[in-house]
Amino acid sequence: MRQKKNASPEKPVSLGRHEYGCKVCNHLERAQIEAEFISWKSPVDICAEYGLTDRTTIYRHAWALELMEKRRRNVRAALERIIEKAGSVEVTAGAVVQAVATYARINSSGLLIERKETVNMNELFERMSREELLAYAEKGTLPSWYTSVLGATEEDSGEVLIQ
């Protein structure tokens, strides 16, 4: 199968050459087109709205100006669209819950993260007084302050990036 010239997004693009013939670069509403692409609007819908011939025009422009990475980091916008439509289209409750859960795990840089918490029980026991330790040993009763410290501190908590 024959591959088109410059089909690979890894090849550097001559911006001057690209801008000369690019219908998006020369469009009066270029900024809006780029913003909508980065916000995960469908390239087909963008073409229809702004009078562009086909979606390859949008993708060629996006690769040349490195908008694909910005779009990937902005996956929150795509999830927001799903969540917003939950009340007006037929979707399963599970799909909405999963979209909300995923949305909550994306940081401001657009990275999906898994938060983890650890509690060092030895440190907690070291904080207990002798009476609190005896109460725990005899009755399994934890001190009243225990629930206020339960949960991760900055040193105990970490973020794990999901690739």
N, C-alpha and C. Protein backbone atom coordinates (compact mmCIF):
# COMPACT_ATOMS: atom_id res chain seq x y z
N MET A 1 0.84 -1.18 0.00
CA MET A 1 0.00 0.00 0.00
C MET A 1 0.89 1.24 0.00
N ARG A 2 0.59 2.17 -0.87
CA ARG A 2 1.36 3.41 -1.00
C ARG A 2 0.96 4.41 0.07
N GLN A 3 1.95 4.99 0.71
CA GLN A 3 1.67 5.97 1.76
C GLN A 3 1.89 7.37 1.21
N LYS A 4 1.00 8.30 1.61
CA LYS A 4 1.12 9.67 1.14
C LYS A 4 2.34 10.35 1.75
N LYS A 5 2.87 11.31 1.03
CA LYS A 5 3.97 12.12 1.55
C LYS A 5 3.52 12.86 2.79
N ASN A 6 4.41 12.98 3.78
CA ASN A 6 4.14 13.68 5.03
C ASN A 6 2.93 13.14 5.78
N ALA A 7 2.58 11.86 5.55
CA ALA A 7 1.44 11.28 6.26
C ALA A 7 1.80 11.01 7.71
N SER A 8 3.08 10.88 8.00
CA SER A 8 3.51 10.60 9.36
C SER A 8 3.51 11.87 10.20
N PRO A 9 2.81 11.86 11.35
CA PRO A 9 2.78 13.06 12.19
C PRO A 9 4.12 13.36 12.85
N GLU A 10 5.06 12.40 12.81
CA GLU A 10 6.36 12.63 13.46
C GLU A 10 7.28 13.49 12.60
N LYS A 11 7.02 13.55 11.29
CA LYS A 11 7.87 14.34 10.41
C LYS A 11 7.64 15.82 10.66
N PRO A 12 8.71 16.62 10.70
CA PRO A 12 8.52 18.06 10.90
C PRO A 12 7.81 18.67 9.70
N VAL A 13 6.96 19.63 9.97
CA VAL A 13 6.16 20.28 8.93
C VAL A 13 6.72 21.68 8.71
N SER A 14 6.83 22.07 7.46
CA SER A 14 7.23 23.43 7.13
C SER A 14 6.00 24.31 7.36
N LEU A 15 6.03 25.11 8.43
CA LEU A 15 4.87 25.93 8.77
C LEU A 15 4.53 26.95 7.69
N GLY A 16 5.55 27.51 7.07
CA GLY A 16 5.30 28.48 6.00
C GLY A 16 4.56 27.83 4.84
N ARG A 17 5.00 26.66 4.45
CA ARG A 17 4.34 25.93 3.36
C ARG A 17 2.94 25.52 3.77
N HIS A 18 2.81 25.05 5.01
CA HIS A 18 1.50 24.62 5.50
C HIS A 18 0.52 25.80 5.50
N GLU A 19 0.93 26.91 6.08
CA GLU A 19 0.05 28.07 6.20
C GLU A 19 -0.38 28.63 4.84
N TYR A 20 0.49 28.51 3.86
CA TYR A 20 0.18 29.04 2.53
C TYR A 20 -1.06 28.35 1.93
N GLY A 21 -1.12 27.04 2.04
CA GLY A 21 -2.22 26.31 1.41
C GLY A 21 -3.30 25.82 2.35
N CYS A 22 -3.16 26.07 3.64
CA CYS A 22 -4.11 25.53 4.63
C CYS A 22 -5.39 26.37 4.68
N LYS A 23 -6.51 25.69 4.50
CA LYS A 23 -7.80 26.39 4.53
C LYS A 23 -8.17 26.83 5.94
N VAL A 24 -7.66 26.13 6.95
CA VAL A 24 -7.94 26.53 8.34
C VAL A 24 -7.09 27.75 8.70
N CYS A 25 -5.81 27.71 8.37
CA CYS A 25 -4.94 28.86 8.66
C CYS A 25 -5.44 30.14 8.01
N ASN A 26 -6.03 30.02 6.84
CA ASN A 26 -6.50 31.19 6.10
C ASN A 26 -7.97 31.51 6.34
N HIS A 27 -8.58 30.80 7.23
CA HIS A 27 -10.00 31.01 7.54
C HIS A 27 -10.14 32.19 8.50
N LEU A 28 -11.18 33.01 8.32
CA LEU A 28 -11.41 34.16 9.20
C LEU A 28 -11.68 33.73 10.64
N GLU A 29 -12.22 32.54 10.81
CA GLU A 29 -12.56 32.07 12.16
C GLU A 29 -11.63 30.95 12.63
N ARG A 30 -10.37 31.08 12.28
CA ARG A 30 -9.36 30.07 12.62
C ARG A 30 -9.31 29.78 14.11
N ALA A 31 -9.31 30.81 14.93
CA ALA A 31 -9.21 30.62 16.38
C ALA A 31 -10.37 29.79 16.91
N GLN A 32 -11.59 30.05 16.41
CA GLN A 32 -12.76 29.30 16.87
C GLN A 32 -12.67 27.85 16.40
N ILE A 33 -12.20 27.64 15.18
CA ILE A 33 -12.06 26.28 14.65
C ILE A 33 -11.09 25.49 15.51
N GLU A 34 -9.94 26.09 15.82
CA GLU A 34 -8.94 25.42 16.65
C GLU A 34 -9.48 25.15 18.06
N ALA A 35 -10.17 26.13 18.64
CA ALA A 35 -10.73 25.95 19.99
C ALA A 35 -11.74 24.82 20.02
N GLU A 36 -12.58 24.73 19.00
CA GLU A 36 -13.59 23.68 18.96
C GLU A 36 -12.94 22.31 18.76
N PHE A 37 -11.88 22.25 17.96
CA PHE A 37 -11.18 20.98 17.76
C PHE A 37 -10.55 20.54 19.08
N ILE A 38 -9.89 21.44 19.76
CA ILE A 38 -9.25 21.12 21.04
C ILE A 38 -10.29 20.71 22.08
N SER A 39 -11.50 21.23 21.95
CA SER A 39 -12.59 20.89 22.88
C SER A 39 -13.35 19.64 22.45
N TRP A 40 -12.79 18.88 21.53
CA TRP A 40 -13.32 17.59 21.09
C TRP A 40 -14.61 17.69 20.28
N LYS A 41 -14.83 18.81 19.62
CA LYS A 41 -15.96 18.85 18.69
C LYS A 41 -15.59 18.00 17.48
N SER A 42 -16.54 17.34 16.91
CA SER A 42 -16.31 16.47 15.76
C SER A 42 -15.75 17.26 14.58
N PRO A 43 -14.65 16.80 13.97
CA PRO A 43 -14.12 17.48 12.79
C PRO A 43 -15.14 17.56 11.65
N VAL A 44 -16.00 16.56 11.53
CA VAL A 44 -17.05 16.60 10.50
C VAL A 44 -18.00 17.77 10.78
N ASP A 45 -18.38 17.94 12.05
CA ASP A 45 -19.26 19.05 12.43
C ASP A 45 -18.57 20.40 12.24
N ILE A 46 -17.28 20.46 12.54
CA ILE A 46 -16.52 21.71 12.36
C ILE A 46 -16.51 22.08 10.87
N CYS A 47 -16.25 21.09 10.02
CA CYS A 47 -16.22 21.35 8.57
C CYS A 47 -17.57 21.87 8.08
N ALA A 48 -18.64 21.25 8.55
CA ALA A 48 -19.97 21.67 8.12
C ALA A 48 -20.27 23.10 8.59
N GLU A 49 -19.89 23.41 9.81
CA GLU A 49 -20.19 24.73 10.37
C GLU A 49 -19.38 25.85 9.72
N TYR A 50 -18.13 25.56 9.36
CA TYR A 50 -17.25 26.61 8.86
C TYR A 50 -16.98 26.51 7.36
N GLY A 51 -17.71 25.66 6.67
CA GLY A 51 -17.59 25.57 5.22
C GLY A 51 -16.28 24.99 4.72
N LEU A 52 -15.71 24.07 5.44
CA LEU A 52 -14.48 23.41 5.01
C LEU A 52 -14.84 22.11 4.29
N THR A 53 -13.98 21.68 3.38
CA THR A 53 -14.32 20.56 2.51
C THR A 53 -14.45 19.22 3.22
N ASP A 54 -13.45 18.81 3.97
CA ASP A 54 -13.57 17.54 4.69
C ASP A 54 -12.68 17.52 5.93
N ARG A 55 -12.88 16.49 6.72
CA ARG A 55 -12.20 16.42 8.02
C ARG A 55 -10.69 16.30 7.93
N THR A 56 -10.17 15.81 6.80
CA THR A 56 -8.71 15.72 6.67
C THR A 56 -8.08 17.10 6.71
N THR A 57 -8.82 18.11 6.28
CA THR A 57 -8.34 19.49 6.37
C THR A 57 -8.07 19.86 7.82
N ILE A 58 -8.99 19.48 8.69
CA ILE A 58 -8.85 19.76 10.13
C ILE A 58 -7.68 18.98 10.72
N TYR A 59 -7.62 17.69 10.41
CA TYR A 59 -6.54 16.86 10.97
C TYR A 59 -5.17 17.29 10.47
N ARG A 60 -5.04 17.63 9.20
CA ARG A 60 -3.76 18.08 8.65
C ARG A 60 -3.30 19.35 9.39
N HIS A 61 -4.22 20.26 9.59
CA HIS A 61 -3.92 21.50 10.32
C HIS A 61 -3.53 21.18 11.77
N ALA A 62 -4.27 20.29 12.40
CA ALA A 62 -4.01 19.94 13.81
C ALA A 62 -2.63 19.31 13.98
N TRP A 63 -2.24 18.42 13.07
CA TRP A 63 -0.91 17.81 13.17
C TRP A 63 0.18 18.85 12.94
N ALA A 64 -0.02 19.72 11.95
CA ALA A 64 1.00 20.72 11.62
C ALA A 64 1.23 21.69 12.77
N LEU A 65 0.16 22.06 13.47
CA LEU A 65 0.29 23.04 14.55
C LEU A 65 0.32 22.41 15.94
N GLU A 66 0.48 21.09 15.99
CA GLU A 66 0.59 20.34 17.25
C GLU A 66 -0.62 20.53 18.15
N LEU A 67 -1.80 20.57 17.54
CA LEU A 67 -3.04 20.68 18.31
C LEU A 67 -3.50 19.33 18.85
N MET A 68 -2.99 18.25 18.28
CA MET A 68 -3.42 16.91 18.73
C MET A 68 -3.06 16.69 20.20
N GLU A 69 -1.87 17.12 20.59
CA GLU A 69 -1.47 16.94 21.99
C GLU A 69 -2.33 17.78 22.92
N LYS A 70 -2.64 19.00 22.51
CA LYS A 70 -3.53 19.86 23.31
C LYS A 70 -4.89 19.20 23.46
N ARG A 71 -5.37 18.61 22.37
CA ARG A 71 -6.67 17.94 22.39
C ARG A 71 -6.63 16.75 23.35
N ARG A 72 -5.58 15.96 23.29
CA ARG A 72 -5.46 14.80 24.19
C ARG A 72 -5.46 15.23 25.65
N ARG A 73 -4.75 16.32 25.94
CA ARG A 73 -4.71 16.81 27.33
C ARG A 73 -6.06 17.36 27.76
N ASN A 74 -6.92 17.67 26.81
CA ASN A 74 -8.22 18.25 27.10
C ASN A 74 -9.33 17.21 27.05
N VAL A 75 -9.02 15.99 27.42
CA VAL A 75 -10.02 14.92 27.38
C VAL A 75 -11.18 15.22 28.33
N ARG A 76 -10.95 16.10 29.29
CA ARG A 76 -12.04 16.50 30.19
C ARG A 76 -13.20 17.10 29.40
N ALA A 77 -12.90 17.84 28.34
CA ALA A 77 -13.97 18.45 27.54
C ALA A 77 -14.86 17.39 26.92
N ALA A 78 -14.25 16.30 26.44
CA ALA A 78 -15.05 15.22 25.85
C ALA A 78 -15.93 14.57 26.91
N LEU A 79 -15.38 14.36 28.08
CA LEU A 79 -16.17 13.76 29.17
C LEU A 79 -17.27 14.71 29.63
N GLU A 80 -16.99 16.01 29.63
CA GLU A 80 -18.02 16.99 30.00
C GLU A 80 -19.20 16.92 29.04
N ARG A 81 -18.92 16.73 27.75
CA ARG A 81 -20.00 16.61 26.76
C ARG A 81 -20.87 15.39 27.06
N ILE A 82 -20.24 14.28 27.42
CA ILE A 82 -21.00 13.07 27.75
C ILE A 82 -21.85 13.30 28.98
N ILE A 83 -21.25 13.89 30.00
CA ILE A 83 -21.97 14.12 31.25
C ILE A 83 -23.13 15.09 31.04
N GLU A 84 -22.91 16.15 30.25
CA GLU A 84 -23.97 17.13 29.99
C GLU A 84 -25.16 16.52 29.26
N LYS A 85 -24.91 15.57 28.38
CA LYS A 85 -25.99 14.97 27.59
C LYS A 85 -26.70 13.84 28.33
N ALA A 86 -26.25 13.51 29.51
CA ALA A 86 -26.82 12.38 30.25
C ALA A 86 -28.32 12.54 30.47
N GLY A 87 -28.79 13.75 30.63
CA GLY A 87 -30.21 13.98 30.87
C GLY A 87 -31.06 14.03 29.61
N SER A 88 -30.43 14.20 28.45
CA SER A 88 -31.22 14.38 27.24
C SER A 88 -31.12 13.24 26.23
N VAL A 89 -30.23 12.30 26.46
CA VAL A 89 -30.13 11.15 25.56
C VAL A 89 -30.24 9.87 26.38
N GLU A 90 -30.53 8.78 25.70
CA GLU A 90 -30.67 7.51 26.40
C GLU A 90 -29.29 6.89 26.60
N VAL A 91 -28.84 6.91 27.83
CA VAL A 91 -27.57 6.28 28.19
C VAL A 91 -27.81 5.45 29.43
N THR A 92 -26.90 4.54 29.69
CA THR A 92 -27.05 3.73 30.89
C THR A 92 -26.51 4.50 32.08
N ALA A 93 -27.02 4.18 33.23
CA ALA A 93 -26.53 4.81 34.46
C ALA A 93 -25.05 4.51 34.65
N GLY A 94 -24.65 3.30 34.31
CA GLY A 94 -23.25 2.91 34.45
C GLY A 94 -22.32 3.75 33.60
N ALA A 95 -22.76 4.10 32.39
CA ALA A 95 -21.94 4.93 31.51
C ALA A 95 -21.75 6.32 32.09
N VAL A 96 -22.80 6.88 32.66
CA VAL A 96 -22.71 8.22 33.27
C VAL A 96 -21.81 8.17 34.49
N VAL A 97 -22.00 7.16 35.34
CA VAL A 97 -21.16 7.03 36.54
C VAL A 97 -19.70 6.87 36.15
N GLN A 98 -19.42 6.05 35.14
CA GLN A 98 -18.04 5.85 34.69
C GLN A 98 -17.45 7.13 34.13
N ALA A 99 -18.23 7.90 33.38
CA ALA A 99 -17.74 9.18 32.83
C ALA A 99 -17.44 10.16 33.96
N VAL A 100 -18.30 10.23 34.96
CA VAL A 100 -18.07 11.13 36.10
C VAL A 100 -16.84 10.68 36.89
N ALA A 101 -16.71 9.37 37.12
CA ALA A 101 -15.56 8.85 37.87
C ALA A 101 -14.26 9.14 37.12
N THR A 102 -14.26 8.94 35.82
CA THR A 102 -13.07 9.22 35.02
C THR A 102 -12.75 10.71 35.03
N TYR A 103 -13.77 11.53 34.88
CA TYR A 103 -13.61 12.99 34.89
C TYR A 103 -12.95 13.44 36.20
N ALA A 104 -13.37 12.86 37.30
CA ALA A 104 -12.84 13.26 38.61
C ALA A 104 -11.36 12.88 38.77
N ARG A 105 -10.89 11.91 37.99
CA ARG A 105 -9.50 11.46 38.12
C ARG A 105 -8.55 12.15 37.15
N ILE A 106 -9.04 13.11 36.39
CA ILE A 106 -8.18 13.82 35.44
C ILE A 106 -7.75 15.14 36.07
N ASN A 107 -6.43 15.34 36.12
CA ASN A 107 -5.94 16.58 36.74
C ASN A 107 -6.01 17.74 35.77
N SER A 108 -5.60 18.92 36.20
CA SER A 108 -5.72 20.13 35.38
C SER A 108 -4.83 20.09 34.15
N SER A 109 -3.84 19.20 34.12
CA SER A 109 -3.00 19.05 32.93
C SER A 109 -3.56 18.05 31.94
N GLY A 110 -4.70 17.47 32.29
CA GLY A 110 -5.33 16.50 31.41
C GLY A 110 -4.81 15.09 31.58
N LEU A 111 -4.06 14.83 32.64
CA LEU A 111 -3.53 13.50 32.88
C LEU A 111 -4.46 12.71 33.78
N LEU A 112 -4.68 11.46 33.40
CA LEU A 112 -5.50 10.57 34.20
C LEU A 112 -4.64 10.05 35.34
N ILE A 113 -5.11 10.22 36.56
CA ILE A 113 -4.33 9.80 37.72
C ILE A 113 -5.14 8.87 38.60
N GLU A 114 -4.44 8.02 39.30
CA GLU A 114 -5.04 7.15 40.31
C GLU A 114 -4.48 7.62 41.65
N ARG A 115 -5.35 8.02 42.51
CA ARG A 115 -4.88 8.44 43.83
C ARG A 115 -4.77 7.21 44.72
N LYS A 116 -3.76 7.21 45.56
CA LYS A 116 -3.62 6.11 46.49
C LYS A 116 -3.41 6.68 47.88
N GLU A 117 -3.92 5.97 48.83
CA GLU A 117 -3.75 6.39 50.22
C GLU A 117 -3.17 5.23 51.01
N THR A 118 -2.30 5.57 51.94
CA THR A 118 -1.77 4.56 52.85
C THR A 118 -1.82 5.13 54.26
N VAL A 119 -2.05 4.26 55.18
CA VAL A 119 -2.04 4.66 56.58
C VAL A 119 -1.02 3.77 57.28
N ASN A 120 -0.07 4.39 57.93
CA ASN A 120 0.95 3.65 58.67
C ASN A 120 0.41 3.39 60.07
N MET A 121 -0.03 2.16 60.30
CA MET A 121 -0.63 1.80 61.59
C MET A 121 0.38 1.92 62.74
N ASN A 122 1.64 1.62 62.48
CA ASN A 122 2.64 1.75 63.53
C ASN A 122 2.74 3.18 64.03
N GLU A 123 2.70 4.15 63.11
CA GLU A 123 2.75 5.56 63.52
C GLU A 123 1.52 5.93 64.33
N LEU A 124 0.36 5.41 63.93
CA LEU A 124 -0.85 5.70 64.69
C LEU A 124 -0.78 5.10 66.09
N PHE A 125 -0.30 3.88 66.20
CA PHE A 125 -0.17 3.26 67.52
C PHE A 125 0.83 4.02 68.39
N GLU A 126 1.89 4.53 67.78
CA GLU A 126 2.87 5.31 68.53
C GLU A 126 2.27 6.60 69.09
N ARG A 127 1.26 7.11 68.44
CA ARG A 127 0.60 8.34 68.90
C ARG A 127 -0.35 8.08 70.06
N MET A 128 -0.77 6.82 70.24
CA MET A 128 -1.74 6.51 71.29
C MET A 128 -1.09 6.55 72.67
N SER A 129 -1.87 7.01 73.61
CA SER A 129 -1.40 6.98 75.01
C SER A 129 -1.50 5.53 75.50
N ARG A 130 -0.95 5.30 76.68
CA ARG A 130 -0.99 3.94 77.26
C ARG A 130 -2.43 3.50 77.47
N GLU A 131 -3.28 4.41 77.96
CA GLU A 131 -4.69 4.08 78.21
C GLU A 131 -5.41 3.74 76.89
N GLU A 132 -5.12 4.51 75.83
CA GLU A 132 -5.75 4.26 74.53
C GLU A 132 -5.30 2.91 73.96
N LEU A 133 -4.01 2.58 74.15
CA LEU A 133 -3.51 1.29 73.68
C LEU A 133 -4.19 0.13 74.42
N LEU A 134 -4.36 0.29 75.77
CA LEU A 134 -5.03 -0.76 76.55
C LEU A 134 -6.49 -0.91 76.12
N ALA A 135 -7.17 0.21 75.88
CA ALA A 135 -8.57 0.16 75.44
C ALA A 135 -8.67 -0.54 74.08
N TYR A 136 -7.72 -0.28 73.22
CA TYR A 136 -7.73 -0.92 71.91
C TYR A 136 -7.46 -2.41 72.05
N ALA A 137 -6.48 -2.77 72.91
CA ALA A 137 -6.12 -4.18 73.09
C ALA A 137 -7.26 -4.96 73.75
N GLU A 138 -7.94 -4.37 74.73
CA GLU A 138 -8.99 -5.09 75.47
C GLU A 138 -10.33 -5.11 74.72
N LYS A 139 -10.72 -3.97 74.14
CA LYS A 139 -12.07 -3.86 73.57
C LYS A 139 -12.08 -3.58 72.06
N GLY A 140 -10.91 -3.31 71.49
CA GLY A 140 -10.87 -2.96 70.08
C GLY A 140 -11.34 -1.54 69.81
N THR A 141 -11.37 -0.71 70.87
CA THR A 141 -11.87 0.66 70.75
C THR A 141 -10.74 1.58 70.31
N LEU A 142 -10.99 2.31 69.25
CA LEU A 142 -10.01 3.28 68.78
C LEU A 142 -10.27 4.62 69.44
N PRO A 143 -9.24 5.42 69.64
CA PRO A 143 -9.42 6.75 70.24
C PRO A 143 -10.31 7.64 69.35
N SER A 144 -10.96 8.61 69.96
CA SER A 144 -11.85 9.50 69.21
C SER A 144 -11.10 10.31 68.15
N TRP A 145 -9.84 10.63 68.39
CA TRP A 145 -9.07 11.42 67.44
C TRP A 145 -8.67 10.59 66.21
N TYR A 146 -8.80 9.28 66.27
CA TYR A 146 -8.35 8.41 65.19
C TYR A 146 -9.03 8.72 63.85
N THR A 147 -10.33 8.94 63.88
CA THR A 147 -11.04 9.19 62.62
C THR A 147 -10.64 10.53 62.00
N SER A 148 -10.20 11.47 62.81
CA SER A 148 -9.78 12.76 62.23
C SER A 148 -8.42 12.66 61.55
N VAL A 149 -7.61 11.66 61.91
CA VAL A 149 -6.31 11.49 61.26
C VAL A 149 -6.34 10.42 60.19
N LEU A 150 -7.40 9.64 60.18
CA LEU A 150 -7.50 8.60 59.18
C LEU A 150 -7.59 9.25 57.80
N GLY A 151 -6.80 8.78 56.91
CA GLY A 151 -6.71 9.38 55.58
C GLY A 151 -5.28 9.79 55.34
N ALA A 152 -4.93 9.96 54.13
CA ALA A 152 -3.54 10.21 53.78
C ALA A 152 -3.14 11.65 54.02
N THR A 153 -1.92 11.80 54.44
CA THR A 153 -1.31 13.13 54.52
C THR A 153 -0.54 13.34 53.23
N GLU A 154 0.05 14.52 53.06
CA GLU A 154 0.81 14.77 51.83
C GLU A 154 1.95 13.79 51.66
N GLU A 155 2.60 13.39 52.77
CA GLU A 155 3.72 12.45 52.64
C GLU A 155 3.23 11.06 52.30
N ASP A 156 2.03 10.69 52.80
CA ASP A 156 1.51 9.34 52.57
C ASP A 156 0.81 9.19 51.23
N SER A 157 0.31 10.28 50.71
CA SER A 157 -0.49 10.21 49.49
C SER A 157 0.40 10.39 48.27
N GLY A 158 -0.02 9.79 47.20
CA GLY A 158 0.73 9.96 45.96
C GLY A 158 -0.19 9.85 44.78
N GLU A 159 0.30 10.26 43.64
CA GLU A 159 -0.46 10.14 42.41
C GLU A 159 0.25 9.18 41.50
N VAL A 160 -0.49 8.28 40.92
CA VAL A 160 0.06 7.33 39.97
C VAL A 160 -0.53 7.66 38.61
N LEU A 161 0.32 7.99 37.67
CA LEU A 161 -0.17 8.32 36.34
C LEU A 161 -0.55 7.06 35.61
N ILE A 162 -1.69 7.10 34.94
CA ILE A 162 -2.14 5.97 34.13
C ILE A 162 -1.76 6.28 32.71
N GLN A 163 -0.97 5.42 32.12
CA GLN A 163 -0.50 5.64 30.74
C GLN A 163 -1.40 4.95 29.77
